Amino acid sequence: MQRPGPSPDTLRGAAERIDDAELALQGINLLLNNGFRESDELFRKYRYHSPLMSFGASFVSFLNAMMTFEEEKMQMACDDLRITERMCESDIGVIETIKNKIKRSVSTLSMDSQSSGVTEVDRLQRQIIVADCQVYLAVLSFVKQEISAYIKGGWILRKAWKMYNKCHSDISILQESYQRRASSSSDQVNDNALVRPTAEALGRLKGSVSFGYGLFHLCISMVPPNLLKIINLLGFPGDRLQGLSSLTYASESKDMKAPLATLALLWYHTVVLPFFALDGSDTREGLMEAKAILREKEAVYPSSSLFMFFKGRVQRLECQINSALNSFNDALELATDQREIQHVCLYEIGWCSMIEMNFIDAYKSFERLKNESRWSQCYYAYLTGVCQGAAGDLEGAIGVFRDVQKLFKRKNNQIEQFAVKKAEKLRRMPPTKDLCILATIEVLYLWKALSNCSSTKLQLMSQVLQGIDDVSFAGLKNLLLGSIHKCLGNRRDAVQVCRCPCPRAKLLLRATFDVLISPLGYSSSSSLPGTRWAGRLIPTCSRMPVMSWAVSCWRNRR
């Protein structure tokens, strides 16, 4: 049952005049400083004073739904977002304007806004809010993980992008017009007859639309190249530089979404760029950007769990693991009422503990995620098992490995497929402490975290691997040893280890994951293009293309 919307009398009865833009920004700042309840109360109190405050209340409702994934809260968020949409469309007919696609000049836009009784700024603000609401409705639709929901969500996103694009273009034209009027002092006669937007209002509007506009560009630019062409044909652009530029503009504006744009930039520099190594770029520049943002915002968000989390990410990427652990633990304590933020902190604590080979703390973090998180319990169970075994509790690890198969739900998910096959292999052996440590090192390698390990820990890992004599793990052992030598700067040893012949290569090639060991070993050890394996030329590139190349070689073997 949908929640009732506001009556016309409620909308007109806002006797108290407020600066909704400033108040909305205060509400978001409260939210990011862990004042989730206070922020919700503020937006609820003023929700019917303006579309902007209504959107703030809907955004908090949406965030609450995404943090809990509870069906009731997700439905409540959908209802709130639709109420905000109706409020924005009630006076100016935004949807009709978009559907008609009428190209108006700046002067015509001003006359239309004047005749409808609302200012030009208000009309554009409402269109941006509608586009924002549609993006969040699409995200809520995607969470259902149904084919019909994906189709519906994709269609909603396409409409939202058209709105963002049109509003971004209109605001840019208005800014140019304002600058021309400001530069010429002759045409000031009829200015009082029209409602002219100020430079400050236009700047805030540009910041408002730049958040969604930039996020669209940035996210689509990260799609694999073979899919990017199809997405571009559907009308979605993907310019990474344009996306970063727009998000930077939004983060420096006075709009309520400025803090969210700042978080998006931190997410890109500390999570996306280091993991995906986009365009082969050096991550050091991104880390410098992230550190500059954190220094600038430290006084504004002194008790923000999110900003503390990103501080820990920077420290982890700079190999300051102990400092990173302190930051993640501080963020965990600050996020007392925010379960999902607690989960991402626990995830990082688990990984930092694995990097430090503190398997007891890693096991505790992943076990809590296995029990509390709704995302891939199968994957968390595998990490729990290998860390528990690496800590010496082999019986407990075998019990957890049995649970991995029971928690395997997403059959097409490659991470869960990997976890199930590895857990089953370790369970049947049965595992030893050294084999469980090998499994943790393998995960660190696959998630590109070996480079975050100190030389002392890398040498300790090397000692453990050298003590493993099980021939069924020979290929994987050599691959990991080569990668560790590479991280330590021992390039010659890395090449030599990765070229060691595997005594059971034919048997290893029978499994999908094991087929990747030998070519991945050459890819990790060699920086020279044109390395040959099995008589074929192997490109020096990222892991995923090498995996596809290896499978192709196996299928086309003679």
Protein backbone atom coordinates (compact mmCIF):
# COMPACT_ATOMS: atom_id res chain seq x y z
CA MET A 1 0.00 0.00 0.00
CA GLN A 2 1.41 3.35 -1.05
CA ARG A 3 1.90 6.09 1.49
CA PRO A 4 -0.40 9.11 0.94
CA GLY A 5 1.20 12.16 -0.58
CA PRO A 6 0.93 15.72 0.72
CA SER A 7 -2.30 17.62 0.17
CA PRO A 8 -2.25 20.93 -1.77
CA ASP A 9 -3.05 22.78 1.48
CA THR A 10 -0.01 21.21 3.13
CA LEU A 11 2.21 22.31 0.27
CA ARG A 12 0.86 25.88 0.30
CA GLY A 13 0.75 26.11 4.08
CA ALA A 14 4.47 26.40 4.66
CA ALA A 15 4.31 29.61 6.62
CA GLU A 16 7.86 29.47 7.77
CA ARG A 17 10.26 30.60 5.05
CA ILE A 18 13.51 28.65 5.05
CA ASP A 19 16.66 28.56 2.97
CA ASP A 20 16.06 25.03 1.75
CA ALA A 21 19.42 24.71 -0.07
CA GLU A 22 21.42 25.58 3.05
CA LEU A 23 19.20 23.47 5.31
CA ALA A 24 19.47 20.45 2.97
CA LEU A 25 23.27 20.73 3.00
CA GLN A 26 23.21 20.83 6.80
CA GLY A 27 21.08 17.69 6.81
CA ILE A 28 23.56 15.79 4.60
CA ASN A 29 26.47 16.97 6.73
CA LEU A 30 24.66 15.66 9.81
CA LEU A 31 24.19 12.34 8.04
CA LEU A 32 27.87 12.00 7.18
CA ASN A 33 28.90 12.91 10.74
CA ASN A 34 26.99 9.82 11.95
CA GLY A 35 23.90 11.84 12.85
CA PHE A 36 21.65 9.55 10.85
CA ARG A 37 18.67 9.95 13.18
CA GLU A 38 19.07 13.73 13.51
CA SER A 39 19.34 14.10 9.74
CA ASP A 40 16.20 12.05 9.20
CA GLU A 41 14.28 14.14 11.75
CA LEU A 42 15.41 17.40 10.12
CA PHE A 43 14.33 16.35 6.62
CA ARG A 44 11.04 14.88 7.88
CA LYS A 45 10.22 18.09 9.73
CA TYR A 46 10.60 20.24 6.61
CA ARG A 47 9.73 17.62 3.98
CA TYR A 48 6.70 19.55 2.60
CA HIS A 49 8.36 22.99 2.64
CA SER A 50 10.06 22.47 -0.72
CA PRO A 51 10.89 19.76 -3.27
CA LEU A 52 14.54 19.93 -2.17
CA MET A 53 13.74 19.06 1.45
CA SER A 54 11.35 16.37 0.26
CA PHE A 55 14.19 14.89 -1.80
CA GLY A 56 16.47 15.02 1.24
CA ALA A 57 13.94 12.99 3.25
CA SER A 58 13.57 10.52 0.38
CA PHE A 59 17.35 10.20 0.03
CA VAL A 60 17.73 9.34 3.73
CA SER A 61 14.94 6.78 3.34
CA PHE A 62 16.69 5.31 0.27
CA LEU A 63 20.03 5.14 2.09
CA ASN A 64 18.39 3.41 5.04
CA ALA A 65 16.86 0.83 2.69
CA MET A 66 20.19 0.15 0.96
CA MET A 67 21.95 -0.25 4.30
CA THR A 68 19.48 -2.83 5.62
CA PHE A 69 18.01 -4.48 2.48
CA GLU A 70 14.79 -4.98 4.46
CA GLU A 71 11.75 -5.35 2.20
CA GLU A 72 9.58 -2.97 4.24
CA LYS A 73 12.17 -0.19 4.20
CA MET A 74 12.80 -0.66 0.47
CA GLN A 75 9.08 -0.26 -0.21
CA MET A 76 8.98 2.81 2.03
CA ALA A 77 11.90 4.32 0.09
CA CYS A 78 10.07 3.70 -3.22
CA ASP A 79 6.96 5.41 -1.87
CA ASP A 80 8.95 8.39 -0.57
CA LEU A 81 10.75 8.82 -3.89
CA ARG A 82 7.44 8.74 -5.82
CA ILE A 83 5.94 11.33 -3.46
CA THR A 84 8.91 13.60 -4.17
CA GLU A 85 8.49 13.02 -7.91
CA ARG A 86 4.81 13.99 -7.77
CA MET A 87 5.63 17.12 -5.77
CA CYS A 88 8.15 18.20 -8.42
CA GLU A 89 5.79 17.48 -11.31
CA SER A 90 2.69 19.08 -9.79
CA ASP A 91 3.34 22.72 -10.72
CA ILE A 92 5.40 22.73 -13.87
CA GLY A 93 4.67 19.49 -15.69
CA VAL A 94 8.24 18.23 -15.90
CA ILE A 95 7.35 14.95 -17.59
CA GLU A 96 5.31 16.69 -20.30
CA THR A 97 8.19 19.07 -20.91
CA ILE A 98 10.64 16.19 -21.32
CA LYS A 99 8.35 14.15 -23.56
CA ASN A 100 7.69 17.01 -25.94
CA LYS A 101 11.44 17.68 -26.26
CA ILE A 102 10.84 21.32 -27.16
CA LYS A 103 14.03 23.24 -27.75
CA ARG A 104 13.67 26.64 -26.16
CA SER A 105 16.05 29.55 -26.17
CA VAL A 106 17.14 31.15 -22.91
CA SER A 107 14.65 33.99 -23.27
CA THR A 108 11.78 31.59 -23.95
CA LEU A 109 12.72 29.51 -20.91
CA SER A 110 12.54 32.66 -18.77
CA MET A 111 9.10 33.60 -20.12
CA ASP A 112 7.76 30.09 -19.59
CA SER A 113 9.01 29.99 -16.02
CA GLN A 114 7.52 33.44 -15.34
CA SER A 115 4.11 32.52 -16.79
CA SER A 116 3.91 29.30 -14.75
CA GLY A 117 4.53 31.15 -11.51
CA VAL A 118 7.84 29.50 -10.66
CA THR A 119 11.35 30.73 -11.29
CA GLU A 120 13.68 29.27 -13.85
CA VAL A 121 15.95 27.98 -11.08
CA ASP A 122 13.04 26.20 -9.41
CA ARG A 123 11.97 24.56 -12.67
CA LEU A 124 15.47 23.19 -13.34
CA GLN A 125 15.88 22.16 -9.71
CA ARG A 126 12.70 20.10 -9.94
CA GLN A 127 13.84 18.39 -13.12
CA ILE A 128 17.16 17.44 -11.51
CA ILE A 129 15.34 16.06 -8.45
CA VAL A 130 13.07 13.96 -10.68
CA ALA A 131 16.14 12.56 -12.45
CA ASP A 132 17.78 11.78 -9.07
CA CYS A 133 14.62 10.04 -7.87
CA GLN A 134 14.51 7.91 -11.00
CA VAL A 135 18.14 6.82 -10.54
CA TYR A 136 17.42 5.70 -6.97
CA LEU A 137 14.22 3.93 -8.06
CA ALA A 138 16.28 2.11 -10.70
CA VAL A 139 18.80 1.02 -8.05
CA LEU A 140 15.98 -0.30 -5.84
CA SER A 141 14.65 -2.15 -8.86
CA PHE A 142 18.06 -3.73 -9.59
CA VAL A 143 18.28 -5.03 -6.02
CA LYS A 144 15.38 -7.41 -6.76
CA GLN A 145 17.70 -9.29 -9.17
CA GLU A 146 14.91 -10.21 -11.59
CA ILE A 147 15.07 -9.94 -15.37
CA SER A 148 11.95 -7.77 -15.52
CA ALA A 149 13.43 -5.53 -12.80
CA TYR A 150 16.67 -5.15 -14.78
CA ILE A 151 14.73 -4.15 -17.92
CA LYS A 152 12.58 -1.69 -15.98
CA GLY A 153 15.60 -0.26 -14.17
CA GLY A 154 17.52 0.17 -17.42
CA TRP A 155 14.62 2.06 -18.99
CA ILE A 156 14.34 4.33 -15.94
CA LEU A 157 18.08 5.04 -16.05
CA ARG A 158 17.84 6.00 -19.71
CA LYS A 159 15.11 8.55 -18.91
CA ALA A 160 17.17 9.88 -16.00
CA TRP A 161 20.24 10.32 -18.21
CA LYS A 162 18.22 12.31 -20.77
CA MET A 163 17.05 14.63 -17.99
CA TYR A 164 20.57 15.09 -16.63
CA ASN A 165 21.94 15.79 -20.09
CA LYS A 166 19.23 18.34 -20.91
CA CYS A 167 19.48 20.12 -17.55
CA HIS A 168 23.29 20.23 -17.77
CA SER A 169 23.04 21.79 -21.23
CA ASP A 170 20.35 24.32 -20.18
CA ILE A 171 22.28 25.43 -17.09
CA SER A 172 25.49 25.83 -19.09
CA ILE A 173 23.61 28.06 -21.58
CA LEU A 174 22.16 30.13 -18.73
CA GLN A 175 25.63 30.57 -17.20
CA GLU A 176 27.02 31.77 -20.53
CA SER A 177 24.10 34.16 -20.90
CA TYR A 178 24.65 35.51 -17.40
CA GLN A 179 28.34 36.09 -18.09
CA ARG A 180 27.51 37.98 -21.31
CA ARG A 181 25.01 40.19 -19.47
CA ALA A 182 27.49 40.82 -16.67
CA SER A 183 30.19 41.85 -19.13
CA SER A 184 27.94 44.34 -20.97
CA SER A 185 26.41 47.16 -18.91
CA SER A 186 24.19 48.51 -21.71
CA ASP A 187 21.27 46.01 -21.65
CA GLN A 188 20.00 46.62 -18.12
CA VAL A 189 16.68 48.29 -18.96
CA ASN A 190 14.28 45.35 -19.00
CA ASP A 191 16.04 43.25 -16.36
CA ASN A 192 13.43 44.03 -13.73
CA ALA A 193 10.67 42.66 -15.98
CA LEU A 194 12.13 39.14 -15.96
CA VAL A 195 13.09 36.74 -13.21
CA ARG A 196 16.86 36.48 -13.64
CA PRO A 197 18.76 33.70 -11.87
CA THR A 198 21.81 34.81 -9.91
CA ALA A 199 25.33 33.49 -10.46
CA GLU A 200 25.21 31.79 -7.04
CA ALA A 201 21.94 30.01 -7.85
CA LEU A 202 23.25 28.86 -11.23
CA GLY A 203 26.47 27.63 -9.65
CA ARG A 204 24.54 25.59 -7.10
CA LEU A 205 22.29 24.18 -9.83
CA LYS A 206 25.32 23.24 -11.92
CA GLY A 207 26.74 21.45 -8.89
CA SER A 208 23.45 19.65 -8.35
CA VAL A 209 23.21 18.29 -11.89
CA SER A 210 26.96 17.62 -12.14
CA PHE A 211 26.75 14.92 -9.46
CA GLY A 212 24.41 12.68 -11.44
CA TYR A 213 25.87 13.74 -14.80
CA GLY A 214 29.43 12.97 -13.67
CA LEU A 215 28.53 9.72 -11.94
CA PHE A 216 26.86 8.46 -15.13
CA HIS A 217 29.97 9.24 -17.18
CA LEU A 218 32.35 7.71 -14.62
CA CYS A 219 30.43 4.47 -14.02
CA ILE A 220 29.76 3.79 -17.70
CA SER A 221 33.41 4.46 -18.57
CA MET A 222 34.40 1.52 -16.32
CA VAL A 223 32.32 -0.96 -18.31
CA PRO A 224 34.45 -3.49 -20.29
CA PRO A 225 35.23 -2.23 -23.83
CA ASN A 226 33.22 -4.96 -25.59
CA LEU A 227 30.08 -3.94 -23.65
CA LEU A 228 30.84 -0.22 -23.79
CA LYS A 229 30.13 -0.07 -27.53
CA ILE A 230 26.68 -1.58 -27.01
CA ILE A 231 25.91 0.77 -24.12
CA ASN A 232 27.03 3.77 -26.19
CA LEU A 233 24.64 2.69 -28.96
CA LEU A 234 21.80 2.77 -26.39
CA GLY A 235 22.55 6.44 -25.75
CA PHE A 236 24.79 6.23 -22.66
CA PRO A 237 28.15 8.03 -22.96
CA GLY A 238 31.21 7.09 -20.93
CA ASP A 239 33.86 9.81 -20.72
CA ARG A 240 35.96 9.20 -17.57
CA LEU A 241 37.66 12.62 -17.61
CA GLN A 242 34.32 14.37 -18.04
CA GLY A 243 32.93 12.35 -15.15
CA LEU A 244 35.80 13.24 -12.82
CA SER A 245 35.64 16.89 -13.85
CA SER A 246 31.88 17.04 -13.17
CA LEU A 247 32.19 15.32 -9.79
CA THR A 248 34.98 17.71 -8.80
CA TYR A 249 32.77 20.67 -9.74
CA ALA A 250 29.88 19.19 -7.74
CA SER A 251 32.09 18.58 -4.69
CA GLU A 252 33.13 22.25 -4.63
CA SER A 253 29.59 23.61 -4.99
CA LYS A 254 27.13 24.63 -2.24
CA ASP A 255 24.56 22.04 -3.22
CA MET A 256 23.40 19.32 -0.81
CA LYS A 257 25.04 16.69 -3.03
CA ALA A 258 28.52 18.25 -2.72
CA PRO A 259 29.50 15.89 0.16
CA LEU A 260 28.21 12.92 -1.85
CA ALA A 261 30.34 13.96 -4.82
CA THR A 262 33.35 14.11 -2.49
CA LEU A 263 32.64 10.55 -1.34
CA ALA A 264 32.31 9.44 -4.96
CA LEU A 265 35.76 10.86 -5.75
CA LEU A 266 37.28 9.15 -2.72
CA TRP A 267 35.65 5.87 -3.78
CA TYR A 268 37.13 6.20 -7.25
CA HIS A 269 40.67 7.05 -6.11
CA THR A 270 40.91 4.52 -3.26
CA VAL A 271 38.76 1.57 -4.40
CA VAL A 272 38.12 1.56 -8.14
CA LEU A 273 41.43 2.84 -9.53
CA PRO A 274 43.77 0.64 -7.40
CA PHE A 275 41.77 -2.55 -7.99
CA PHE A 276 40.97 -2.28 -11.67
CA ALA A 277 44.15 -0.37 -12.65
CA LEU A 278 42.14 1.52 -15.25
CA ASP A 279 44.11 2.37 -18.38
CA GLY A 280 47.23 1.07 -16.63
CA SER A 281 47.36 4.31 -14.67
CA ASP A 282 49.63 4.86 -11.72
CA THR A 283 47.60 4.88 -8.53
CA ARG A 284 49.99 7.19 -6.67
CA GLU A 285 48.46 10.29 -8.24
CA GLY A 286 45.01 9.11 -7.21
CA LEU A 287 46.21 8.55 -3.64
CA MET A 288 47.60 12.09 -3.54
CA GLU A 289 44.21 13.40 -4.66
CA ALA A 290 42.45 11.33 -2.00
CA LYS A 291 44.82 12.56 0.74
CA ALA A 292 44.26 16.17 -0.31
CA ILE A 293 40.46 15.69 -0.14
CA LEU A 294 40.67 14.07 3.30
CA ARG A 295 42.88 16.90 4.65
CA GLU A 296 40.48 19.51 3.29
CA LYS A 297 37.37 17.85 4.77
CA GLU A 298 38.83 16.74 8.10
CA ALA A 299 37.52 19.79 9.97
CA VAL A 300 34.04 19.50 8.39
CA TYR A 301 33.61 15.79 9.13
CA PRO A 302 35.61 15.12 12.31
CA SER A 303 33.50 12.12 13.38
CA SER A 304 32.47 10.66 10.03
CA SER A 305 32.81 6.89 9.82
CA LEU A 306 32.88 7.08 6.01
CA PHE A 307 35.73 9.58 5.85
CA MET A 308 37.60 7.55 8.49
CA PHE A 309 37.06 4.47 6.32
CA PHE A 310 38.58 6.17 3.27
CA LYS A 311 41.49 7.36 5.41
CA GLY A 312 42.13 3.71 6.23
CA ARG A 313 41.94 2.80 2.53
CA VAL A 314 44.65 5.34 1.72
CA GLN A 315 46.84 4.03 4.54
CA ARG A 316 46.38 0.44 3.40
CA LEU A 317 47.34 1.31 -0.18
CA GLU A 318 50.44 3.07 1.18
CA CYS A 319 51.30 -0.18 3.03
CA GLN A 320 50.76 1.44 6.45
CA ILE A 321 48.75 -1.58 7.60
CA ASN A 322 48.83 -0.94 11.36
CA SER A 323 47.64 2.64 10.85
CA ALA A 324 44.97 1.38 8.46
CA LEU A 325 43.74 -1.13 11.05
CA ASN A 326 43.45 1.67 13.62
CA SER A 327 41.44 3.79 11.19
CA PHE A 328 39.11 0.93 10.24
CA ASN A 329 38.54 0.07 13.91
CA ASP A 330 37.77 3.73 14.65
CA ALA A 331 35.31 3.81 11.74
CA LEU A 332 33.72 0.61 13.04
CA GLU A 333 33.14 2.20 16.45
CA LEU A 334 31.76 5.41 14.93
CA ALA A 335 29.26 3.51 12.74
CA THR A 336 27.29 2.14 15.67
CA ASP A 337 23.85 2.45 14.01
CA GLN A 338 24.98 1.84 10.41
CA ARG A 339 25.28 -1.88 9.83
CA GLU A 340 26.42 -1.76 6.21
CA ILE A 341 29.22 0.68 7.01
CA GLN A 342 30.25 -1.65 9.82
CA HIS A 343 30.38 -4.49 7.29
CA VAL A 344 32.72 -2.69 4.89
CA CYS A 345 34.96 -1.83 7.86
CA LEU A 346 34.95 -5.48 8.99
CA TYR A 347 35.83 -6.53 5.45
CA GLU A 348 38.85 -4.24 5.40
CA ILE A 349 39.89 -5.31 8.91
CA GLY A 350 39.78 -8.92 7.73
CA TRP A 351 41.93 -8.14 4.70
CA CYS A 352 44.46 -6.07 6.65
CA SER A 353 44.70 -8.90 9.19
CA MET A 354 45.37 -11.38 6.38
CA ILE A 355 48.05 -9.07 4.99
CA GLU A 356 49.65 -9.04 8.45
CA MET A 357 49.15 -12.85 8.69
CA ASN A 358 47.08 -12.28 11.83
CA PHE A 359 44.67 -15.05 10.91
CA ILE A 360 42.75 -15.10 14.21
CA ASP A 361 41.53 -11.50 13.81
CA ALA A 362 40.87 -12.11 10.10
CA TYR A 363 38.80 -15.20 10.94
CA LYS A 364 36.71 -13.27 13.50
CA SER A 365 35.95 -10.47 11.02
CA PHE A 366 34.96 -12.79 8.17
CA GLU A 367 32.90 -15.02 10.47
CA ARG A 368 30.86 -12.02 11.56
CA LEU A 369 30.35 -11.05 7.92
CA LYS A 370 29.28 -14.62 7.11
CA ASN A 371 26.63 -14.46 9.84
CA GLU A 372 25.41 -10.87 9.33
CA SER A 373 25.93 -9.87 5.71
CA ARG A 374 23.42 -10.64 2.98
CA TRP A 375 26.04 -10.34 0.25
CA SER A 376 27.72 -13.62 -0.80
CA GLN A 377 27.75 -15.57 2.45
CA CYS A 378 29.38 -18.35 0.42
CA TYR A 379 32.46 -16.19 -0.27
CA TYR A 380 32.69 -15.01 3.35
CA ALA A 381 32.40 -18.63 4.52
CA TYR A 382 35.38 -19.60 2.36
CA LEU A 383 37.48 -16.73 3.74
CA THR A 384 36.41 -17.72 7.27
CA GLY A 385 37.45 -21.33 6.65
CA VAL A 386 40.91 -20.63 5.20
CA CYS A 387 41.72 -18.08 7.93
CA GLN A 388 40.47 -20.44 10.63
CA GLY A 389 42.62 -23.24 9.20
CA ALA A 390 45.62 -20.91 8.85
CA ALA A 391 45.20 -20.04 12.54
CA GLY A 392 45.49 -23.76 13.37
CA ASP A 393 41.83 -24.73 13.94
CA LEU A 394 41.62 -27.37 11.18
CA GLU A 395 38.51 -29.16 12.47
CA GLY A 396 36.61 -25.88 12.61
CA ALA A 397 37.86 -25.02 9.11
CA ILE A 398 36.56 -28.33 7.69
CA GLY A 399 33.15 -27.60 9.22
CA VAL A 400 33.07 -24.16 7.59
CA PHE A 401 34.15 -25.63 4.22
CA ARG A 402 31.07 -27.89 4.40
CA ASP A 403 28.91 -24.78 4.88
CA VAL A 404 30.34 -23.15 1.74
CA GLN A 405 28.42 -25.57 -0.51
CA LYS A 406 25.18 -24.98 1.45
CA LEU A 407 25.55 -21.22 1.07
CA PHE A 408 26.23 -21.43 -2.68
CA LYS A 409 23.20 -19.59 -4.14
CA ARG A 410 24.33 -17.58 -7.15
CA LYS A 411 25.29 -20.26 -9.67
CA ASN A 412 26.60 -17.80 -12.28
CA ASN A 413 28.72 -15.82 -9.83
CA GLN A 414 32.43 -16.48 -10.52
CA ILE A 415 33.54 -15.57 -7.00
CA GLU A 416 31.15 -18.09 -5.46
CA GLN A 417 32.13 -20.75 -8.03
CA PHE A 418 35.77 -20.20 -7.07
CA ALA A 419 34.96 -20.42 -3.34
CA VAL A 420 32.94 -23.64 -3.73
CA LYS A 421 35.58 -25.48 -5.79
CA LYS A 422 38.44 -24.44 -3.54
CA ALA A 423 36.54 -25.28 -0.35
CA GLU A 424 35.56 -28.70 -1.67
CA LYS A 425 39.16 -29.49 -2.66
CA LEU A 426 40.51 -28.47 0.75
CA ARG A 427 37.77 -30.35 2.61
CA ARG A 428 38.48 -33.62 0.83
CA MET A 429 42.26 -33.60 1.36
CA PRO A 430 41.91 -32.87 4.42
CA PRO A 431 43.69 -29.50 4.82
CA THR A 432 46.84 -28.68 6.71
CA LYS A 433 47.75 -25.35 8.29
CA ASP A 434 50.28 -24.61 5.53
CA LEU A 435 47.75 -25.36 2.77
CA CYS A 436 45.26 -22.98 4.39
CA ILE A 437 47.97 -20.30 4.52
CA LEU A 438 48.62 -20.99 0.83
CA ALA A 439 44.90 -20.46 0.17
CA THR A 440 44.99 -17.06 1.94
CA ILE A 441 48.06 -16.02 -0.08
CA GLU A 442 46.22 -17.07 -3.25
CA VAL A 443 43.29 -14.81 -2.34
CA LEU A 444 45.68 -11.93 -1.62
CA TYR A 445 47.26 -12.48 -5.04
CA LEU A 446 43.96 -12.65 -6.94
CA TRP A 447 42.69 -9.48 -5.24
CA LYS A 448 46.00 -7.70 -5.97
CA ALA A 449 46.87 -7.23 -2.30
CA LEU A 450 50.33 -8.82 -2.20
CA SER A 451 51.86 -5.45 -3.06
CA ASN A 452 50.39 -4.10 0.22
CA CYS A 453 52.36 -6.65 2.30
CA SER A 454 55.59 -5.70 4.08
CA SER A 455 58.85 -7.36 3.06
CA THR A 456 58.93 -9.22 6.41
CA LYS A 457 55.50 -10.75 5.81
CA LEU A 458 56.35 -11.58 2.19
CA GLN A 459 59.47 -13.43 3.30
CA LEU A 460 57.41 -15.33 5.88
CA MET A 461 54.90 -16.29 3.19
CA SER A 462 57.76 -17.46 0.97
CA GLN A 463 59.07 -19.71 3.75
CA VAL A 464 55.65 -21.30 4.24
CA LEU A 465 55.20 -21.92 0.49
CA GLN A 466 58.64 -23.48 0.13
CA GLY A 467 57.73 -26.00 2.84
CA ILE A 468 54.70 -27.30 0.88
CA ASP A 469 55.49 -30.56 -0.94
CA ASP A 470 52.00 -31.49 -2.19
CA VAL A 471 52.44 -31.91 -5.97
CA SER A 472 48.77 -31.06 -6.67
CA PHE A 473 49.54 -27.50 -5.51
CA ALA A 474 52.92 -27.23 -7.29
CA GLY A 475 51.72 -24.90 -10.06
CA LEU A 476 49.90 -22.58 -7.69
CA LYS A 477 52.84 -22.63 -5.26
CA ASN A 478 55.30 -21.59 -8.00
CA LEU A 479 52.96 -18.86 -9.22
CA LEU A 480 52.64 -17.37 -5.74
CA LEU A 481 56.36 -17.70 -5.02
CA GLY A 482 57.14 -15.89 -8.27
CA SER A 483 54.70 -13.10 -7.41
CA ILE A 484 56.21 -12.73 -3.93
CA HIS A 485 59.74 -12.54 -5.37
CA LYS A 486 58.50 -9.89 -7.80
CA CYS A 487 57.03 -7.83 -4.93
CA LEU A 488 60.36 -8.16 -3.08
CA GLY A 489 62.24 -6.91 -6.16
CA ASN A 490 63.94 -10.26 -6.84
CA ARG A 491 63.10 -10.25 -10.53
CA ARG A 492 65.51 -13.02 -11.58
CA ASP A 493 64.21 -15.39 -8.89
CA ALA A 494 60.63 -14.56 -9.87
CA VAL A 495 61.24 -15.52 -13.51
CA GLN A 496 63.06 -18.69 -12.53
CA VAL A 497 60.35 -19.88 -10.14
CA CYS A 498 57.50 -19.16 -12.54
CA ARG A 499 59.27 -21.14 -15.29
CA CYS A 500 59.62 -24.25 -13.13
CA PRO A 501 57.81 -27.12 -14.88
CA CYS A 502 54.73 -28.39 -13.09
CA PRO A 503 54.92 -32.20 -12.62
CA ARG A 504 51.18 -32.61 -12.99
CA ALA A 505 50.46 -29.99 -15.64
CA LYS A 506 48.08 -32.22 -17.59
CA LEU A 507 46.01 -32.99 -14.52
CA LEU A 508 45.98 -29.36 -13.48
CA LEU A 509 44.70 -28.29 -16.90
CA ARG A 510 41.56 -30.35 -16.40
CA ALA A 511 40.11 -27.81 -13.97
CA THR A 512 38.95 -24.41 -15.12
CA PHE A 513 40.80 -22.52 -12.42
CA ASP A 514 43.97 -24.60 -12.56
CA VAL A 515 44.26 -24.01 -16.31
CA LEU A 516 45.19 -20.45 -15.43
CA ILE A 517 48.23 -21.28 -13.27
CA SER A 518 50.95 -21.65 -15.92
CA PRO A 519 50.05 -18.68 -18.18
CA LEU A 520 49.39 -16.50 -15.14
CA GLY A 521 52.85 -17.42 -13.87
CA TYR A 522 54.45 -16.20 -17.07
CA SER A 523 52.31 -13.07 -17.09
CA SER A 524 53.32 -12.24 -13.51
CA SER A 525 57.03 -12.89 -14.02
CA SER A 526 57.59 -11.29 -17.38
CA SER A 527 57.39 -7.65 -18.35
CA LEU A 528 58.68 -8.34 -21.85
CA PRO A 529 56.05 -8.54 -24.61
CA GLY A 530 56.08 -11.69 -26.67
CA THR A 531 56.73 -14.28 -23.94
CA ARG A 532 55.88 -17.72 -25.27
CA TRP A 533 54.01 -20.49 -23.49
CA ALA A 534 53.13 -23.84 -25.10
CA GLY A 535 54.39 -22.49 -28.42
CA ARG A 536 51.96 -19.55 -28.37
CA LEU A 537 52.56 -15.86 -27.87
CA ILE A 538 51.26 -14.57 -24.54
CA PRO A 539 50.51 -10.86 -24.20
CA THR A 540 51.71 -8.96 -21.14
CA CYS A 541 48.51 -7.48 -19.79
CA SER A 542 46.06 -7.67 -16.90
CA ARG A 543 44.89 -10.94 -15.41
CA MET A 544 41.42 -11.22 -16.89
CA PRO A 545 42.53 -11.05 -20.58
CA VAL A 546 45.27 -13.58 -19.78
CA MET A 547 42.67 -15.89 -18.27
CA SER A 548 40.58 -15.71 -21.45
CA TRP A 549 43.70 -16.27 -23.54
CA ALA A 550 44.68 -19.33 -21.46
CA VAL A 551 41.26 -20.93 -21.80
CA SER A 552 41.39 -20.27 -25.56
CA CYS A 553 44.80 -21.98 -25.79
CA TRP A 554 43.47 -25.02 -23.92
CA ARG A 555 40.36 -25.32 -26.11
CA ASN A 556 42.41 -24.99 -29.30
CA ARG A 557 45.24 -27.28 -28.16
CA ARG A 558 46.62 -29.81 -30.63
